[in-house]
Structures are given as C-alpha cells and as structure tokens.
C-alpha cells in the first residue's frame, strides 16, 4: 500500500509511505484503519520535524541579526571613545 505524505498546509505530497500488506491477513476495514493511522503518524512526525527545522532557521537568523547589531554598536562605541575632542 502507498500513502501520500501531505503535511498540513501543503497542497502536494512531499513523499510516499510504502507499507507491505500481509498475505496471511485479509485487508479488512480494521487492517486498513491501522495503515491509515500509521500514515497519519508518519505525516505528523514529518510535519513536526519540518516545523522544528524552520524554527531553528528563524533562531539562527535572529542570532545573526543580534551579532550584527552588537558589532555595529561596539564599533560606534569605540569611535566615540577614541575620537579626539
């Protein structure tokens, strides 16, 4: 069985979960529900990982802005201290 992995807010699948079906068990409603639950769990895990990665990127961008701001104010402060009256 193949299930598309479509995180919330996405229109297209970002991947496909391929799962084997037992040849000894009938593919009834409860067996199918198990696979639907499995696909939902994988989709949730992928969405969580993507959200974590985006949050990490935002934090890095904010840290870079903070470093640039600190460097700027350090330079300005140095200029004020070393300037002759």
Protein backbone atom coordinates (compact mmCIF):
# COMPACT_ATOMS: atom_id res chain seq x y z
CA UNK A 1 0.00 0.00 0.00
CA UNK A 2 1.19 3.52 -0.72
CA UNK A 3 0.09 6.57 1.26
CA UNK A 4 0.94 10.16 0.33
CA UNK A 5 2.65 12.25 2.99
CA UNK A 6 0.92 15.64 2.84
CA UNK A 7 1.72 17.87 5.83
CA UNK A 8 -0.94 20.35 6.98
CA UNK A 9 -0.99 23.46 4.82
CA UNK A 10 0.65 21.73 1.85
CA UNK A 11 -1.14 21.01 -1.39
CA UNK A 12 1.21 18.40 -2.75
CA UNK A 13 2.66 15.28 -1.23
CA UNK A 14 6.26 15.60 -0.05
CA UNK A 15 6.73 11.86 0.00
CA UNK A 16 5.06 8.50 -0.05
CA UNK A 17 4.86 5.90 2.70
CA UNK A 18 5.04 2.43 1.20
CA UNK A 19 3.89 -0.37 3.50
CA UNK A 20 3.63 -4.07 2.87
CA UNK A 21 0.41 -5.96 3.46
CA UNK A 22 0.40 -9.42 4.96
CA UNK A 23 -0.62 -12.14 2.56
CA UNK A 24 -1.99 -14.09 5.55
CA UNK A 25 -4.41 -11.44 6.79
CA UNK A 26 -7.48 -10.17 4.97
CA UNK A 27 -7.32 -6.49 4.11
CA UNK A 28 -10.47 -5.60 6.03
CA UNK A 29 -11.63 -2.31 7.47
CA UNK A 30 -9.70 -2.55 10.74
CA UNK A 31 -6.48 -3.56 8.94
CA UNK A 32 -6.92 -0.60 6.59
CA UNK A 33 -7.60 1.66 9.60
CA UNK A 34 -4.25 0.54 11.06
CA UNK A 35 -2.47 1.66 7.89
CA UNK A 36 -4.38 4.95 7.87
CA UNK A 37 -3.28 5.54 11.46
CA UNK A 38 0.31 4.66 10.54
CA UNK A 39 0.26 7.14 7.65
CA UNK A 40 -1.21 9.84 9.89
CA UNK A 41 1.54 9.25 12.46
CA UNK A 42 4.29 9.49 9.86
CA UNK A 43 2.71 12.63 8.40
CA UNK A 44 2.57 14.22 11.88
CA UNK A 45 6.21 13.30 12.55
CA UNK A 46 7.32 14.82 9.24
CA UNK A 47 5.32 18.00 9.91
CA UNK A 48 6.84 18.27 13.38
CA UNK A 49 10.37 17.83 12.03
CA UNK A 50 9.77 20.47 9.35
CA UNK A 51 8.38 22.92 11.94
CA UNK A 52 11.40 22.31 14.20
CA UNK A 53 13.79 22.93 11.29
CA UNK A 54 12.03 26.18 10.35
CA UNK A 55 12.12 27.36 13.96
CA UNK A 56 15.85 26.56 14.12
CA UNK A 57 16.44 28.61 10.96
CA UNK A 58 14.49 31.54 12.42
CA UNK A 59 16.52 31.36 15.62
CA UNK A 60 19.77 31.35 13.62
CA UNK A 61 18.62 34.38 11.62
CA UNK A 62 17.74 36.26 14.81
CA UNK A 63 21.10 35.35 16.33
CA UNK A 64 22.88 36.66 13.22
CA UNK A 65 20.92 39.92 13.42
CA UNK A 66 21.85 40.20 17.11
CA UNK A 67 25.54 39.62 16.31
CA UNK A 68 25.44 42.29 13.60
CA UNK A 69 23.71 44.74 15.94
CA UNK A 70 26.27 44.07 18.69
CA UNK A 71 29.18 44.55 16.27
CA UNK A 72 27.67 47.79 14.98
CA UNK A 73 27.15 49.27 18.45
CA UNK A 74 30.61 48.11 19.55
CA UNK A 75 32.14 49.95 16.59
CA UNK A 76 30.09 53.09 17.26
CA UNK A 77 31.01 52.97 20.93
CA UNK A 78 34.69 52.55 20.04
CA UNK A 79 34.50 55.55 17.68
CA UNK A 80 33.00 57.73 20.41
CA UNK A 81 35.66 56.69 22.92
CA UNK A 82 38.65 57.18 20.59
CA UNK A 83 37.57 60.42 18.98
CA UNK A 84 39.55 63.50 19.92
CA UNK A 85 37.56 66.37 21.48
